[in-house]
Amino acid sequence: MITEQALYGIKHYFYGEAYYGSDEGMRFRLAREPLRNVVFSSEEDRSSDDPKLRAEVWFGKLSYENTPEEEIERRDFEFDSDGYREAVAWLNEMRSDRMFR
């Protein structure tokens, strides 16, 4: 199971870096979309590009860059603490769905 405590908190994504992880054969990526460093930006500038928290999931041994686009499932969430919790829940749903097929 993926927990919020096992991942970087929402503030990490202000730095414009993605988080990559895996769990039980599922690989995933979390990132601010659009991906850019806004940590030193004003609050107004941080939200000017309508950021989302994008969660992406794929299965197999290939890296994110080497996995065909059609094999990656994506979902966008609000870029806030609620969206972060929803993204973690969605990652766990995707993992559970795949395990029980």
C-alpha atoms as a PDB file:
ATOM      1  CA  MET A   1       0.000   0.000   0.000  1.00  0.00           C
ATOM      2  CA  ILE A   2       1.201   3.491  -0.848  1.00  0.00           C
ATOM      3  CA  THR A   3       0.928   5.970   2.009  1.00  0.00           C
ATOM      4  CA  GLU A   4       1.196   9.741   2.063  1.00  0.00           C
ATOM      5  CA  GLN A   5       4.053   9.414   4.529  1.00  0.00           C
ATOM      6  CA  ALA A   6       6.038   7.263   2.084  1.00  0.00           C
ATOM      7  CA  LEU A   7       5.867   9.945  -0.635  1.00  0.00           C
ATOM      8  CA  TYR A   8       7.174  13.485  -0.621  1.00  0.00           C
ATOM      9  CA  GLY A   9       4.674  16.046   0.675  1.00  0.00           C
ATOM     10  CA  ILE A  10       2.880  18.440  -1.661  1.00  0.00           C
ATOM     11  CA  LYS A  11       5.523  21.165  -1.139  1.00  0.00           C
ATOM     12  CA  HIS A  12       8.133  18.988  -2.872  1.00  0.00           C
ATOM     13  CA  TYR A  13       6.337  19.481  -6.170  1.00  0.00           C
ATOM     14  CA  PHE A  14       6.906  23.258  -5.990  1.00  0.00           C
ATOM     15  CA  TYR A  15      10.508  22.460  -7.007  1.00  0.00           C
ATOM     16  CA  GLY A  16       9.480  21.247 -10.460  1.00  0.00           C
ATOM     17  CA  GLU A  17      10.629  17.689  -9.901  1.00  0.00           C
ATOM     18  CA  ALA A  18       8.621  14.517 -10.306  1.00  0.00           C
ATOM     19  CA  TYR A  19       8.472  11.676  -7.815  1.00  0.00           C
ATOM     20  CA  TYR A  20       8.880   8.167  -9.217  1.00  0.00           C
ATOM     21  CA  GLY A  21       7.996   5.046  -7.260  1.00  0.00           C
ATOM     22  CA  SER A  22       6.813   1.485  -7.496  1.00  0.00           C
ATOM     23  CA  ASP A  23       4.688  -0.893  -5.473  1.00  0.00           C
ATOM     24  CA  GLU A  24       3.807  -4.540  -6.158  1.00  0.00           C
ATOM     25  CA  GLY A  25       4.751  -4.341  -9.850  1.00  0.00           C
ATOM     26  CA  MET A  26       3.036  -1.009 -10.430  1.00  0.00           C
ATOM     27  CA  ARG A  27       5.216   1.942 -11.316  1.00  0.00           C
ATOM     28  CA  PHE A  28       4.041   5.496 -10.830  1.00  0.00           C
ATOM     29  CA  ARG A  29       4.976   9.130 -11.203  1.00  0.00           C
ATOM     30  CA  LEU A  30       3.615  12.193  -9.391  1.00  0.00           C
ATOM     31  CA  ALA A  31       4.389  15.702 -10.601  1.00  0.00           C
ATOM     32  CA  ARG A  32       3.134  19.255 -10.777  1.00  0.00           C
ATOM     33  CA  GLU A  33       1.715  19.924 -14.214  1.00  0.00           C
ATOM     34  CA  PRO A  34       3.002  22.035 -15.827  1.00  0.00           C
ATOM     35  CA  LEU A  35       6.337  20.890 -14.470  1.00  0.00           C
ATOM     36  CA  ARG A  36       8.242  23.996 -13.361  1.00  0.00           C
ATOM     37  CA  ASN A  37      10.052  25.255 -10.295  1.00  0.00           C
ATOM     38  CA  VAL A  38       7.830  27.729  -8.455  1.00  0.00           C
ATOM     39  CA  VAL A  39       9.299  27.447  -4.972  1.00  0.00           C
ATOM     40  CA  PHE A  40      10.604  31.032  -4.997  1.00  0.00           C
ATOM     41  CA  SER A  41       7.637  32.453  -6.902  1.00  0.00           C
ATOM     42  CA  SER A  42       4.909  34.567  -5.400  1.00  0.00           C
ATOM     43  CA  GLU A  43       1.655  32.851  -4.469  1.00  0.00           C
ATOM     44  CA  GLU A  44       0.004  34.563  -7.431  1.00  0.00           C
ATOM     45  CA  ASP A  45       2.664  33.340  -9.880  1.00  0.00           C
ATOM     46  CA  ARG A  46       2.498  29.786  -8.464  1.00  0.00           C
ATOM     47  CA  SER A  47      -1.127  29.500  -9.448  1.00  0.00           C
ATOM     48  CA  SER A  48      -1.058  31.550 -12.663  1.00  0.00           C
ATOM     49  CA  ASP A  49      -0.627  28.468 -14.853  1.00  0.00           C
ATOM     50  CA  ASP A  50      -3.526  26.576 -13.159  1.00  0.00           C
ATOM     51  CA  PRO A  51      -1.329  23.754 -11.830  1.00  0.00           C
ATOM     52  CA  LYS A  52      -2.564  20.210 -11.336  1.00  0.00           C
ATOM     53  CA  LEU A  53      -1.035  17.263  -9.558  1.00  0.00           C
ATOM     54  CA  ARG A  54      -0.672  14.580 -12.224  1.00  0.00           C
ATOM     55  CA  ALA A  55      -0.530  10.939 -11.190  1.00  0.00           C
ATOM     56  CA  GLU A  56       0.607   8.412 -13.784  1.00  0.00           C
ATOM     57  CA  VAL A  57       0.652   4.624 -13.524  1.00  0.00           C
ATOM     58  CA  TRP A  58       2.106   1.852 -15.670  1.00  0.00           C
ATOM     59  CA  PHE A  59       2.950  -1.796 -15.206  1.00  0.00           C
ATOM     60  CA  GLY A  60       6.015  -3.647 -16.360  1.00  0.00           C
ATOM     61  CA  LYS A  61       9.748  -3.303 -16.120  1.00  0.00           C
ATOM     62  CA  LEU A  62      10.284  -0.331 -18.404  1.00  0.00           C
ATOM     63  CA  SER A  63      11.073   3.141 -17.130  1.00  0.00           C
ATOM     64  CA  TYR A  64       8.659   6.024 -17.565  1.00  0.00           C
ATOM     65  CA  GLU A  65      10.592   7.351 -20.543  1.00  0.00           C
ATOM     66  CA  ASN A  66      10.674   3.951 -22.268  1.00  0.00           C
ATOM     67  CA  THR A  67       7.046   2.955 -21.683  1.00  0.00           C
ATOM     68  CA  PRO A  68       4.729   3.582 -24.651  1.00  0.00           C
ATOM     69  CA  GLU A  69       2.299   6.456 -24.021  1.00  0.00           C
ATOM     70  CA  GLU A  70      -0.731   4.210 -24.509  1.00  0.00           C
ATOM     71  CA  GLU A  71       0.399   2.004 -21.602  1.00  0.00           C
ATOM     72  CA  ILE A  72       0.470   4.870 -19.095  1.00  0.00           C
ATOM     73  CA  GLU A  73      -2.755   5.791 -17.336  1.00  0.00           C
ATOM     74  CA  ARG A  74      -2.992   9.398 -16.143  1.00  0.00           C
ATOM     75  CA  ARG A  75      -5.237  11.393 -13.903  1.00  0.00           C
ATOM     76  CA  ASP A  76      -5.037  15.025 -12.806  1.00  0.00           C
ATOM     77  CA  PHE A  77      -5.948  16.269  -9.339  1.00  0.00           C
ATOM     78  CA  GLU A  78      -6.153  19.695  -7.765  1.00  0.00           C
ATOM     79  CA  PHE A  79      -2.736  20.955  -6.725  1.00  0.00           C
ATOM     80  CA  ASP A  80      -3.471  21.151  -3.013  1.00  0.00           C
ATOM     81  CA  SER A  81      -3.485  18.874   0.035  1.00  0.00           C
ATOM     82  CA  ASP A  82      -6.914  17.430  -0.832  1.00  0.00           C
ATOM     83  CA  GLY A  83      -5.777  16.670  -4.373  1.00  0.00           C
ATOM     84  CA  TYR A  84      -2.629  15.074  -2.973  1.00  0.00           C
ATOM     85  CA  ARG A  85      -4.699  12.734  -0.766  1.00  0.00           C
ATOM     86  CA  GLU A  86      -6.971  11.907  -3.711  1.00  0.00           C
ATOM     87  CA  ALA A  87      -3.942  11.123  -5.894  1.00  0.00           C
ATOM     88  CA  VAL A  88      -2.556   8.718  -3.279  1.00  0.00           C
ATOM     89  CA  ALA A  89      -5.960   7.031  -2.996  1.00  0.00           C
ATOM     90  CA  TRP A  90      -6.133   6.715  -6.791  1.00  0.00           C
ATOM     91  CA  LEU A  91      -2.667   5.147  -6.920  1.00  0.00           C
ATOM     92  CA  ASN A  92      -3.822   2.544  -4.395  1.00  0.00           C
ATOM     93  CA  GLU A  93      -7.012   1.913  -6.392  1.00  0.00           C
ATOM     94  CA  MET A  94      -4.962   1.323  -9.531  1.00  0.00           C
ATOM     95  CA  ARG A  95      -2.694  -1.077  -7.652  1.00  0.00           C
ATOM     96  CA  SER A  96      -5.640  -2.986  -6.148  1.00  0.00           C
ATOM     97  CA  ASP A  97      -7.482  -3.173  -9.472  1.00  0.00           C
ATOM     98  CA  ARG A  98      -4.458  -4.687 -11.161  1.00  0.00           C
ATOM     99  CA  MET A  99      -3.738  -7.157  -8.349  1.00  0.00           C
ATOM    100  CA  PHE A 100      -7.259  -8.593  -8.373  1.00  0.00           C
ATOM    101  CA  ARG A 101      -7.671  -9.040 -12.128  1.00  0.00           C
END
